[in-house]
Amino acid sequence: MWIFTTDGFFSIVKSRHCSEDELAVRAQSRADLERLLGKLGARAEIIEHGDSEYAFRAILPQQALAAYLAQTADSLDYANFKTEATGVEPCRAPALQAVWKLVMDRWGAWE
């Protein structure tokens, strides 16, 4: 599952390294993963895979991620995600705009 939040961009999967109640959170940015771990109050190890598309990973309890997603939704108070997210990381504006445009232009064509 891909997640874009104001904390960053994450790929969340059930990897072979996960136990039954864990998920792997992968990120391209260490800062994104550190921000997420800070919100969770988690002390998970950040594993670095420099030669991978997601260079930074952490194995986290599934319930902690579910709580993070619920809290993120409960505290949402902005009218425009791209504007809010680029307030945290301004350099990401072009990437967020490109993702938005691709989905808006192509989503209907995929149905």
PDB file of N, CA and C in Angstrom:
ATOM      1  N   MET A   1       0.859  -1.166   0.000  1.00  0.00           N
ATOM      2  CA  MET A   1       0.000   0.000   0.000  1.00  0.00           C
ATOM      3  C   MET A   1       0.903   1.226   0.000  1.00  0.00           C
ATOM      4  N   TRP A   2       0.593   2.170  -0.847  1.00  0.00           N
ATOM      5  CA  TRP A   2       1.305   3.447  -0.846  1.00  0.00           C
ATOM      6  C   TRP A   2       0.510   4.438  -0.022  1.00  0.00           C
ATOM      7  N   ILE A   3       1.220   5.196   0.779  1.00  0.00           N
ATOM      8  CA  ILE A   3       0.600   6.217   1.613  1.00  0.00           C
ATOM      9  C   ILE A   3       1.352   7.527   1.415  1.00  0.00           C
ATOM     10  N   PHE A   4       0.632   8.567   1.052  1.00  0.00           N
ATOM     11  CA  PHE A   4       1.176   9.924   1.039  1.00  0.00           C
ATOM     12  C   PHE A   4       0.526  10.658   2.201  1.00  0.00           C
ATOM     13  N   THR A   5       1.323  11.130   3.145  1.00  0.00           N
ATOM     14  CA  THR A   5       0.817  11.961   4.235  1.00  0.00           C
ATOM     15  C   THR A   5       1.721  13.179   4.334  1.00  0.00           C
ATOM     16  N   THR A   6       1.376  14.105   5.196  1.00  0.00           N
ATOM     17  CA  THR A   6       2.258  15.251   5.402  1.00  0.00           C
ATOM     18  C   THR A   6       3.560  14.823   6.078  1.00  0.00           C
ATOM     19  N   ASP A   7       3.608  13.614   6.605  1.00  0.00           N
ATOM     20  CA  ASP A   7       4.844  13.088   7.195  1.00  0.00           C
ATOM     21  C   ASP A   7       5.771  12.493   6.148  1.00  0.00           C
ATOM     22  N   GLY A   8       5.239  12.147   4.978  1.00  0.00           N
ATOM     23  CA  GLY A   8       6.083  11.599   3.928  1.00  0.00           C
ATOM     24  C   GLY A   8       5.361  10.599   3.050  1.00  0.00           C
ATOM     25  N   PHE A   9       6.149   9.916   2.242  1.00  0.00           N
ATOM     26  CA  PHE A   9       5.656   8.901   1.313  1.00  0.00           C
ATOM     27  C   PHE A   9       6.169   7.549   1.789  1.00  0.00           C
ATOM     28  N   PHE A  10       5.247   6.594   1.936  1.00  0.00           N
ATOM     29  CA  PHE A  10       5.600   5.287   2.478  1.00  0.00           C
ATOM     30  C   PHE A  10       4.991   4.171   1.635  1.00  0.00           C
ATOM     31  N   SER A  11       5.718   3.090   1.532  1.00  0.00           N
ATOM     32  CA  SER A  11       5.203   1.856   0.962  1.00  0.00           C
ATOM     33  C   SER A  11       5.112   0.870   2.119  1.00  0.00           C
ATOM     34  N   ILE A  12       3.922   0.373   2.382  1.00  0.00           N
ATOM     35  CA  ILE A  12       3.708  -0.526   3.515  1.00  0.00           C
ATOM     36  C   ILE A  12       3.340  -1.901   2.965  1.00  0.00           C
ATOM     37  N   VAL A  13       4.122  -2.903   3.368  1.00  0.00           N
ATOM     38  CA  VAL A  13       3.938  -4.259   2.846  1.00  0.00           C
ATOM     39  C   VAL A  13       4.111  -5.289   3.960  1.00  0.00           C
ATOM     40  N   LYS A  14       3.694  -6.488   3.673  1.00  0.00           N
ATOM     41  CA  LYS A  14       3.928  -7.629   4.560  1.00  0.00           C
ATOM     42  C   LYS A  14       5.128  -8.367   3.968  1.00  0.00           C
ATOM     43  N   SER A  15       6.320  -8.068   4.446  1.00  0.00           N
ATOM     44  CA  SER A  15       7.522  -8.700   3.897  1.00  0.00           C
ATOM     45  C   SER A  15       7.795 -10.025   4.601  1.00  0.00           C
ATOM     46  N   ARG A  16       8.728 -10.763   4.060  1.00  0.00           N
ATOM     47  CA  ARG A  16       9.087 -12.057   4.659  1.00  0.00           C
ATOM     48  C   ARG A  16       9.751 -11.885   6.018  1.00  0.00           C
ATOM     49  N   HIS A  17      10.164 -10.660   6.338  1.00  0.00           N
ATOM     50  CA  HIS A  17      10.807 -10.379   7.627  1.00  0.00           C
ATOM     51  C   HIS A  17       9.791 -10.045   8.724  1.00  0.00           C
ATOM     52  N   CYS A  18       8.530  -9.975   8.367  1.00  0.00           N
ATOM     53  CA  CYS A  18       7.480  -9.588   9.319  1.00  0.00           C
ATOM     54  C   CYS A  18       6.891 -10.814  10.011  1.00  0.00           C
ATOM     55  N   SER A  19       6.593 -10.642  11.280  1.00  0.00           N
ATOM     56  CA  SER A  19       5.820 -11.671  11.972  1.00  0.00           C
ATOM     57  C   SER A  19       4.348 -11.459  11.617  1.00  0.00           C
ATOM     58  N   GLU A  20       3.496 -12.282  12.170  1.00  0.00           N
ATOM     59  CA  GLU A  20       2.069 -12.225  11.842  1.00  0.00           C
ATOM     60  C   GLU A  20       1.446 -10.854  12.114  1.00  0.00           C
ATOM     61  N   ASP A  21       1.905 -10.167  13.158  1.00  0.00           N
ATOM     62  CA  ASP A  21       1.301  -8.885  13.545  1.00  0.00           C
ATOM     63  C   ASP A  21       2.192  -7.683  13.230  1.00  0.00           C
ATOM     64  N   GLU A  22       3.067  -7.829  12.228  1.00  0.00           N
ATOM     65  CA  GLU A  22       3.960  -6.733  11.840  1.00  0.00           C
ATOM     66  C   GLU A  22       3.812  -6.407  10.360  1.00  0.00           C
ATOM     67  N   LEU A  23       4.196  -5.190  10.011  1.00  0.00           N
ATOM     68  CA  LEU A  23       4.273  -4.751   8.622  1.00  0.00           C
ATOM     69  C   LEU A  23       5.607  -4.046   8.413  1.00  0.00           C
ATOM     70  N   ALA A  24       6.090  -4.080   7.182  1.00  0.00           N
ATOM     71  CA  ALA A  24       7.315  -3.364   6.828  1.00  0.00           C
ATOM     72  C   ALA A  24       6.925  -2.022   6.225  1.00  0.00           C
ATOM     73  N   VAL A  25       7.523  -0.969   6.749  1.00  0.00           N
ATOM     74  CA  VAL A  25       7.313   0.373   6.205  1.00  0.00           C
ATOM     75  C   VAL A  25       8.590   0.749   5.475  1.00  0.00           C
ATOM     76  N   ARG A  26       8.446   1.081   4.200  1.00  0.00           N
ATOM     77  CA  ARG A  26       9.602   1.419   3.372  1.00  0.00           C
ATOM     78  C   ARG A  26       9.476   2.866   2.936  1.00  0.00           C
ATOM     79  N   ALA A  27      10.622   3.545   2.861  1.00  0.00           N
ATOM     80  CA  ALA A  27      10.626   4.957   2.471  1.00  0.00           C
ATOM     81  C   ALA A  27      11.874   5.257   1.652  1.00  0.00           C
ATOM     82  N   GLN A  28      11.771   6.252   0.810  1.00  0.00           N
ATOM     83  CA  GLN A  28      12.928   6.720   0.057  1.00  0.00           C
ATOM     84  C   GLN A  28      13.722   7.735   0.869  1.00  0.00           C
ATOM     85  N   SER A  29      13.116   8.279   1.893  1.00  0.00           N
ATOM     86  CA  SER A  29      13.730   9.325   2.707  1.00  0.00           C
ATOM     87  C   SER A  29      13.820   8.881   4.169  1.00  0.00           C
ATOM     88  N   ARG A  30      15.023   8.941   4.719  1.00  0.00           N
ATOM     89  CA  ARG A  30      15.199   8.619   6.143  1.00  0.00           C
ATOM     90  C   ARG A  30      14.389   9.583   7.000  1.00  0.00           C
ATOM     91  N   ALA A  31      14.367  10.864   6.618  1.00  0.00           N
ATOM     92  CA  ALA A  31      13.629  11.870   7.399  1.00  0.00           C
ATOM     93  C   ALA A  31      12.144  11.527   7.476  1.00  0.00           C
ATOM     94  N   ASP A  32      11.569  11.028   6.375  1.00  0.00           N
ATOM     95  CA  ASP A  32      10.158  10.623   6.387  1.00  0.00           C
ATOM     96  C   ASP A  32       9.931   9.515   7.410  1.00  0.00           C
ATOM     97  N   LEU A  33      10.782   8.507   7.368  1.00  0.00           N
ATOM     98  CA  LEU A  33      10.620   7.368   8.274  1.00  0.00           C
ATOM     99  C   LEU A  33      10.853   7.792   9.723  1.00  0.00           C
ATOM    100  N   GLU A  34      11.821   8.666   9.952  1.00  0.00           N
ATOM    101  CA  GLU A  34      12.055   9.170  11.311  1.00  0.00           C
ATOM    102  C   GLU A  34      10.849   9.958  11.818  1.00  0.00           C
ATOM    103  N   ARG A  35      10.230  10.755  10.924  1.00  0.00           N
ATOM    104  CA  ARG A  35       9.030  11.515  11.301  1.00  0.00           C
ATOM    105  C   ARG A  35       7.897  10.566  11.689  1.00  0.00           C
ATOM    106  N   LEU A  36       7.713   9.510  10.899  1.00  0.00           N
ATOM    107  CA  LEU A  36       6.674   8.522  11.192  1.00  0.00           C
ATOM    108  C   LEU A  36       6.943   7.830  12.532  1.00  0.00           C
ATOM    109  N   LEU A  37       8.167   7.391  12.738  1.00  0.00           N
ATOM    110  CA  LEU A  37       8.509   6.722  13.999  1.00  0.00           C
ATOM    111  C   LEU A  37       8.305   7.658  15.182  1.00  0.00           C
ATOM    112  N   GLY A  38       8.618   8.942  14.994  1.00  0.00           N
ATOM    113  CA  GLY A  38       8.394   9.919  16.058  1.00  0.00           C
ATOM    114  C   GLY A  38       6.923  10.052  16.404  1.00  0.00           C
ATOM    115  N   LYS A  39       6.067  10.068  15.388  1.00  0.00           N
ATOM    116  CA  LYS A  39       4.620  10.153  15.634  1.00  0.00           C
ATOM    117  C   LYS A  39       4.113   8.907  16.356  1.00  0.00           C
ATOM    118  N   LEU A  40       4.718   7.759  16.044  1.00  0.00           N
ATOM    119  CA  LEU A  40       4.305   6.504  16.671  1.00  0.00           C
ATOM    120  C   LEU A  40       4.907   6.330  18.063  1.00  0.00           C
ATOM    121  N   GLY A  41       5.945   7.106  18.358  1.00  0.00           N
ATOM    122  CA  GLY A  41       6.670   6.890  19.602  1.00  0.00           C
ATOM    123  C   GLY A  41       7.401   5.558  19.575  1.00  0.00           C
ATOM    124  N   ALA A  42       7.719   5.094  18.367  1.00  0.00           N
ATOM    125  CA  ALA A  42       8.342   3.778  18.191  1.00  0.00           C
ATOM    126  C   ALA A  42       9.861   3.894  18.192  1.00  0.00           C
ATOM    127  N   ARG A  43      10.495   2.868  18.690  1.00  0.00           N
ATOM    128  CA  ARG A  43      11.951   2.804  18.711  1.00  0.00           C
ATOM    129  C   ARG A  43      12.455   1.728  17.743  1.00  0.00           C
ATOM    130  N   ALA A  44      11.796   1.582  16.639  1.00  0.00           N
ATOM    131  CA  ALA A  44      12.183   0.563  15.668  1.00  0.00           C
ATOM    132  C   ALA A  44      13.502   0.939  15.005  1.00  0.00           C
ATOM    133  N   GLU A  45      14.246  -0.087  14.643  1.00  0.00           N
ATOM    134  CA  GLU A  45      15.501   0.126  13.931  1.00  0.00           C
ATOM    135  C   GLU A  45      15.196   0.507  12.486  1.00  0.00           C
ATOM    136  N   ILE A  46      15.876   1.535  11.991  1.00  0.00           N
ATOM    137  CA  ILE A  46      15.785   1.877  10.574  1.00  0.00           C
ATOM    138  C   ILE A  46      16.892   1.104   9.866  1.00  0.00           C
ATOM    139  N   ILE A  47      16.472   0.252   8.950  1.00  0.00           N
ATOM    140  CA  ILE A  47      17.403  -0.587   8.197  1.00  0.00           C
ATOM    141  C   ILE A  47      17.655   0.098   6.863  1.00  0.00           C
ATOM    142  N   GLU A  48      18.930   0.246   6.516  1.00  0.00           N
ATOM    143  CA  GLU A  48      19.285   0.941   5.287  1.00  0.00           C
ATOM    144  C   GLU A  48      19.599  -0.065   4.184  1.00  0.00           C
ATOM    145  N   HIS A  49      18.961   0.126   3.028  1.00  0.00           N
ATOM    146  CA  HIS A  49      19.197  -0.679   1.824  1.00  0.00           C
ATOM    147  C   HIS A  49      19.528   0.301   0.710  1.00  0.00           C
ATOM    148  N   GLY A  50      20.765   0.754   0.660  1.00  0.00           N
ATOM    149  CA  GLY A  50      21.164   1.804  -0.274  1.00  0.00           C
ATOM    150  C   GLY A  50      20.935   1.489  -1.735  1.00  0.00           C
ATOM    151  N   ASP A  51      20.922   0.216  -2.107  1.00  0.00           N
ATOM    152  CA  ASP A  51      20.790  -0.159  -3.514  1.00  0.00           C
ATOM    153  C   ASP A  51      19.353  -0.516  -3.904  1.00  0.00           C
ATOM    154  N   SER A  52      18.397  -0.113  -3.089  1.00  0.00           N
ATOM    155  CA  SER A  52      16.995  -0.461  -3.308  1.00  0.00           C
ATOM    156  C   SER A  52      16.183   0.790  -3.639  1.00  0.00           C
ATOM    157  N   GLU A  53      15.019   0.604  -4.276  1.00  0.00           N
ATOM    158  CA  GLU A  53      14.186   1.788  -4.546  1.00  0.00           C
ATOM    159  C   GLU A  53      13.663   2.413  -3.262  1.00  0.00           C
ATOM    160  N   TYR A  54      13.525   1.646  -2.208  1.00  0.00           N
ATOM    161  CA  TYR A  54      13.169   2.170  -0.882  1.00  0.00           C
ATOM    162  C   TYR A  54      14.374   1.935   0.022  1.00  0.00           C
ATOM    163  N   ALA A  55      15.194   2.948   0.186  1.00  0.00           N
ATOM    164  CA  ALA A  55      16.477   2.792   0.879  1.00  0.00           C
ATOM    165  C   ALA A  55      16.338   2.604   2.384  1.00  0.00           C
ATOM    166  N   PHE A  56      15.201   2.981   2.954  1.00  0.00           N
ATOM    167  CA  PHE A  56      15.039   2.942   4.408  1.00  0.00           C
ATOM    168  C   PHE A  56      13.792   2.146   4.768  1.00  0.00           C
ATOM    169  N   ARG A  57      13.943   1.258   5.772  1.00  0.00           N
ATOM    170  CA  ARG A  57      12.849   0.365   6.150  1.00  0.00           C
ATOM    171  C   ARG A  57      12.798   0.194   7.653  1.00  0.00           C
ATOM    172  N   ALA A  58      11.615  -0.095   8.133  1.00  0.00           N
ATOM    173  CA  ALA A  58      11.435  -0.437   9.544  1.00  0.00           C
ATOM    174  C   ALA A  58      10.294  -1.442   9.632  1.00  0.00           C
ATOM    175  N   ILE A  59      10.427  -2.377  10.544  1.00  0.00           N
ATOM    176  CA  ILE A  59       9.374  -3.352  10.815  1.00  0.00           C
ATOM    177  C   ILE A  59       8.607  -2.837  12.027  1.00  0.00           C
ATOM    178  N   LEU A  60       7.292  -2.674  11.865  1.00  0.00           N
ATOM    179  CA  LEU A  60       6.476  -2.071  12.918  1.00  0.00           C
ATOM    180  C   LEU A  60       5.242  -2.917  13.216  1.00  0.00           C
ATOM    181  N   PRO A  61       4.724  -2.808  14.428  1.00  0.00           N
ATOM    182  CA  PRO A  61       3.475  -3.507  14.750  1.00  0.00           C
ATOM    183  C   PRO A  61       2.328  -2.994  13.870  1.00  0.00           C
ATOM    184  N   GLN A  62       1.558  -3.909  13.338  1.00  0.00           N
ATOM    185  CA  GLN A  62       0.435  -3.549  12.476  1.00  0.00           C
ATOM    186  C   GLN A  62      -0.538  -2.620  13.204  1.00  0.00           C
ATOM    187  N   GLN A  63      -0.782  -2.874  14.472  1.00  0.00           N
ATOM    188  CA  GLN A  63      -1.709  -2.037  15.251  1.00  0.00           C
ATOM    189  C   GLN A  63      -1.201  -0.607  15.388  1.00  0.00           C
ATOM    190  N   ALA A  64       0.116  -0.427  15.508  1.00  0.00           N
ATOM    191  CA  ALA A  64       0.682   0.920  15.607  1.00  0.00           C
ATOM    192  C   ALA A  64       0.450   1.693  14.313  1.00  0.00           C
ATOM    193  N   LEU A  65       0.604   1.014  13.178  1.00  0.00           N
ATOM    194  CA  LEU A  65       0.351   1.679  11.894  1.00  0.00           C
ATOM    195  C   LEU A  65      -1.129   1.997  11.723  1.00  0.00           C
ATOM    196  N   ALA A  66      -1.987   1.089  12.142  1.00  0.00           N
ATOM    197  CA  ALA A  66      -3.430   1.349  12.073  1.00  0.00           C
ATOM    198  C   ALA A  66      -3.786   2.559  12.932  1.00  0.00           C
ATOM    199  N   ALA A  67      -3.189   2.658  14.112  1.00  0.00           N
ATOM    200  CA  ALA A  67      -3.446   3.806  14.990  1.00  0.00           C
ATOM    201  C   ALA A  67      -2.929   5.092  14.362  1.00  0.00           C
ATOM    202  N   TYR A  68      -1.758   5.033  13.710  1.00  0.00           N
ATOM    203  CA  TYR A  68      -1.210   6.216  13.029  1.00  0.00           C
ATOM    204  C   TYR A  68      -2.163   6.695  11.933  1.00  0.00           C
ATOM    205  N   LEU A  69      -2.651   5.760  11.118  1.00  0.00           N
ATOM    206  CA  LEU A  69      -3.561   6.139  10.034  1.00  0.00           C
ATOM    207  C   LEU A  69      -4.860   6.729  10.583  1.00  0.00           C
ATOM    208  N   ALA A  70      -5.385   6.142  11.642  1.00  0.00           N
ATOM    209  CA  ALA A  70      -6.609   6.673  12.257  1.00  0.00           C
ATOM    210  C   ALA A  70      -6.367   8.063  12.826  1.00  0.00           C
ATOM    211  N   GLN A  71      -5.251   8.248  13.519  1.00  0.00           N
ATOM    212  CA  GLN A  71      -4.935   9.553  14.109  1.00  0.00           C
ATOM    213  C   GLN A  71      -4.710  10.597  13.024  1.00  0.00           C
ATOM    214  N   THR A  72      -4.065  10.192  11.935  1.00  0.00           N
ATOM    215  CA  THR A  72      -3.829  11.110  10.819  1.00  0.00           C
ATOM    216  C   THR A  72      -5.159  11.570  10.226  1.00  0.00           C
ATOM    217  N   ALA A  73      -6.084  10.650  10.050  1.00  0.00           N
ATOM    218  CA  ALA A  73      -7.409  11.008   9.532  1.00  0.00           C
ATOM    219  C   ALA A  73      -8.183  11.859  10.530  1.00  0.00           C
ATOM    220  N   ASP A  74      -8.119  11.499  11.799  1.00  0.00           N
ATOM    221  CA  ASP A  74      -8.856  12.247  12.832  1.00  0.00           C
ATOM    222  C   ASP A  74      -8.369  13.679  12.983  1.00  0.00           C
ATOM    223  N   SER A  75      -7.083  13.922  12.751  1.00  0.00           N
ATOM    224  CA  SER A  75      -6.527  15.262  12.971  1.00  0.00           C
ATOM    225  C   SER A  75      -6.420  16.082  11.688  1.00  0.00           C
ATOM    226  N   LEU A  76      -6.896  15.552  10.575  1.00  0.00           N
ATOM    227  CA  LEU A  76      -6.800  16.258   9.300  1.00  0.00           C
ATOM    228  C   LEU A  76      -7.586  17.565   9.367  1.00  0.00           C
ATOM    229  N   ASP A  77      -6.901  18.674   9.071  1.00  0.00           N
ATOM    230  CA  ASP A  77      -7.548  19.986   9.182  1.00  0.00           C
ATOM    231  C   ASP A  77      -7.205  20.925   8.024  1.00  0.00           C
ATOM    232  N   TYR A  78      -6.787  20.378   6.900  1.00  0.00           N
ATOM    233  CA  TYR A  78      -6.411  21.218   5.763  1.00  0.00           C
ATOM    234  C   TYR A  78      -7.334  20.927   4.580  1.00  0.00           C
ATOM    235  N   ALA A  79      -7.422  21.915   3.677  1.00  0.00           N
ATOM    236  CA  ALA A  79      -8.315  21.790   2.525  1.00  0.00           C
ATOM    237  C   ALA A  79      -7.594  21.306   1.267  1.00  0.00           C
ATOM    238  N   ASN A  80      -6.253  21.339   1.266  1.00  0.00           N
ATOM    239  CA  ASN A  80      -5.503  20.957   0.076  1.00  0.00           C
ATOM    240  C   ASN A  80      -4.247  20.193   0.499  1.00  0.00           C
ATOM    241  N   PHE A  81      -4.177  18.915   0.142  1.00  0.00           N
ATOM    242  CA  PHE A  81      -3.047  18.084   0.565  1.00  0.00           C
ATOM    243  C   PHE A  81      -1.729  18.568  -0.017  1.00  0.00           C
ATOM    244  N   LYS A  82      -1.698  18.862  -1.321  1.00  0.00           N
ATOM    245  CA  LYS A  82      -0.432  19.266  -1.938  1.00  0.00           C
ATOM    246  C   LYS A  82       0.140  20.500  -1.251  1.00  0.00           C
ATOM    247  N   THR A  83      -0.702  21.466  -0.959  1.00  0.00           N
ATOM    248  CA  THR A  83      -0.244  22.686  -0.285  1.00  0.00           C
ATOM    249  C   THR A  83       0.277  22.374   1.108  1.00  0.00           C
ATOM    250  N   GLU A  84      -0.445  21.574   1.852  1.00  0.00           N
ATOM    251  CA  GLU A  84      -0.042  21.238   3.222  1.00  0.00           C
ATOM    252  C   GLU A  84       1.258  20.429   3.234  1.00  0.00           C
ATOM    253  N   ALA A  85       1.362  19.446   2.361  1.00  0.00           N
ATOM    254  CA  ALA A  85       2.552  18.587   2.337  1.00  0.00           C
ATOM    255  C   ALA A  85       3.792  19.353   1.905  1.00  0.00           C
ATOM    256  N   THR A  86       3.648  20.257   0.952  1.00  0.00           N
ATOM    257  CA  THR A  86       4.820  21.015   0.519  1.00  0.00           C
ATOM    258  C   THR A  86       5.205  22.081   1.537  1.00  0.00           C
ATOM    259  N   GLY A  87       4.322  22.389   2.470  1.00  0.00           N
ATOM    260  CA  GLY A  87       4.701  23.253   3.583  1.00  0.00           C
ATOM    261  C   GLY A  87       5.705  22.561   4.488  1.00  0.00           C
ATOM    262  N   VAL A  88       5.638  21.238   4.563  1.00  0.00           N
ATOM    263  CA  VAL A  88       6.576  20.444   5.367  1.00  0.00           C
ATOM    264  C   VAL A  88       7.873  20.234   4.585  1.00  0.00           C
ATOM    265  N   GLU A  89       7.761  19.873   3.315  1.00  0.00           N
ATOM    266  CA  GLU A  89       8.917  19.610   2.446  1.00  0.00           C
ATOM    267  C   GLU A  89       8.687  20.312   1.105  1.00  0.00           C
ATOM    268  N   PRO A  90       9.041  21.606   0.986  1.00  0.00           N
ATOM    269  CA  PRO A  90       8.760  22.370  -0.234  1.00  0.00           C
ATOM    270  C   PRO A  90       9.318  21.748  -1.515  1.00  0.00           C
ATOM    271  N   CYS A  91      10.431  21.039  -1.430  1.00  0.00           N
ATOM    272  CA  CYS A  91      11.043  20.462  -2.629  1.00  0.00           C
ATOM    273  C   CYS A  91      10.183  19.366  -3.258  1.00  0.00           C
ATOM    274  N   ARG A  92       9.150  18.919  -2.554  1.00  0.00           N
ATOM    275  CA  ARG A  92       8.315  17.834  -3.077  1.00  0.00           C
ATOM    276  C   ARG A  92       7.143  18.316  -3.925  1.00  0.00           C
ATOM    277  N   ALA A  93       6.966  19.605  -4.046  1.00  0.00           N
ATOM    278  CA  ALA A  93       5.831  20.138  -4.808  1.00  0.00           C
ATOM    279  C   ALA A  93       5.772  19.591  -6.233  1.00  0.00           C
ATOM    280  N   PRO A  94       6.872  19.583  -7.001  1.00  0.00           N
ATOM    281  CA  PRO A  94       6.781  19.060  -8.370  1.00  0.00           C
ATOM    282  C   PRO A  94       6.373  17.587  -8.427  1.00  0.00           C
ATOM    283  N   ALA A  95       6.881  16.773  -7.515  1.00  0.00           N
ATOM    284  CA  ALA A  95       6.532  15.346  -7.521  1.00  0.00           C
ATOM    285  C   ALA A  95       5.066  15.142  -7.175  1.00  0.00           C
ATOM    286  N   LEU A  96       4.582  15.851  -6.163  1.00  0.00           N
ATOM    287  CA  LEU A  96       3.168  15.714  -5.787  1.00  0.00           C
ATOM    288  C   LEU A  96       2.258  16.186  -6.917  1.00  0.00           C
ATOM    289  N   GLN A  97       2.638  17.270  -7.579  1.00  0.00           N
ATOM    290  CA  GLN A  97       1.850  17.771  -8.705  1.00  0.00           C
ATOM    291  C   GLN A  97       1.839  16.749  -9.840  1.00  0.00           C
ATOM    292  N   ALA A  98       2.989  16.128 -10.109  1.00  0.00           N
ATOM    293  CA  ALA A  98       3.072  15.137 -11.186  1.00  0.00           C
ATOM    294  C   ALA A  98       2.206  13.916 -10.888  1.00  0.00           C
ATOM    295  N   VAL A  99       2.223  13.439  -9.653  1.00  0.00           N
ATOM    296  CA  VAL A  99       1.381  12.300  -9.270  1.00  0.00           C
ATOM    297  C   VAL A  99      -0.087  12.674  -9.421  1.00  0.00           C
ATOM    298  N   TRP A 100      -0.460  13.830  -8.904  1.00  0.00           N
ATOM    299  CA  TRP A 100      -1.844  14.292  -8.995  1.00  0.00           C
ATOM    300  C   TRP A 100      -2.289  14.359 -10.455  1.00  0.00           C
ATOM    301  N   LYS A 101      -1.455  14.962 -11.321  1.00  0.00           N
ATOM    302  CA  LYS A 101      -1.818  15.133 -12.725  1.00  0.00           C
ATOM    303  C   LYS A 101      -1.955  13.785 -13.431  1.00  0.00           C
ATOM    304  N   LEU A 102      -1.037  12.873 -13.180  1.00  0.00           N
ATOM    305  CA  LEU A 102      -1.111  11.556 -13.812  1.00  0.00           C
ATOM    306  C   LEU A 102      -2.404  10.841 -13.434  1.00  0.00           C
ATOM    307  N   VAL A 103      -2.736  10.849 -12.166  1.00  0.00           N
ATOM    308  CA  VAL A 103      -3.962  10.180 -11.720  1.00  0.00           C
ATOM    309  C   VAL A 103      -5.189  10.872 -12.313  1.00  0.00           C
ATOM    310  N   MET A 104      -5.217  12.188 -12.283  1.00  0.00           N
ATOM    311  CA  MET A 104      -6.372  12.921 -12.817  1.00  0.00           C
ATOM    312  C   MET A 104      -6.540  12.686 -14.316  1.00  0.00           C
ATOM    313  N   ASP A 105      -5.420  12.631 -15.044  1.00  0.00           N
ATOM    314  CA  ASP A 105      -5.476  12.452 -16.497  1.00  0.00           C
ATOM    315  C   ASP A 105      -5.808  11.017 -16.906  1.00  0.00           C
ATOM    316  N   ARG A 106      -5.359  10.039 -16.115  1.00  0.00           N
ATOM    317  CA  ARG A 106      -5.427   8.656 -16.549  1.00  0.00           C
ATOM    318  C   ARG A 106      -6.425   7.769 -15.825  1.00  0.00           C
ATOM    319  N   TRP A 107      -6.881   8.145 -14.663  1.00  0.00           N
ATOM    320  CA  TRP A 107      -7.684   7.226 -13.855  1.00  0.00           C
ATOM    321  C   TRP A 107      -8.899   6.700 -14.613  1.00  0.00           C
ATOM    322  N   GLY A 108      -9.641   7.572 -15.233  1.00  0.00           N
ATOM    323  CA  GLY A 108     -10.826   7.149 -15.980  1.00  0.00           C
ATOM    324  C   GLY A 108     -10.490   6.228 -17.133  1.00  0.00           C
ATOM    325  N   ALA A 109      -9.334   6.431 -17.747  1.00  0.00           N
ATOM    326  CA  ALA A 109      -8.919   5.602 -18.875  1.00  0.00           C
ATOM    327  C   ALA A 109      -8.596   4.177 -18.441  1.00  0.00           C
ATOM    328  N   TRP A 110      -8.327   3.964 -17.164  1.00  0.00           N
ATOM    329  CA  TRP A 110      -7.975   2.634 -16.667  1.00  0.00           C
ATOM    330  C   TRP A 110      -9.206   1.802 -16.333  1.00  0.00           C
ATOM    331  N   GLU A 111     -10.372   2.403 -16.343  1.00  0.00           N
ATOM    332  CA  GLU A 111     -11.589   1.664 -15.969  1.00  0.00           C
ATOM    333  C   GLU A 111     -12.117   0.866 -17.137  1.00  0.00           C
TER     334      GLU A 111
END
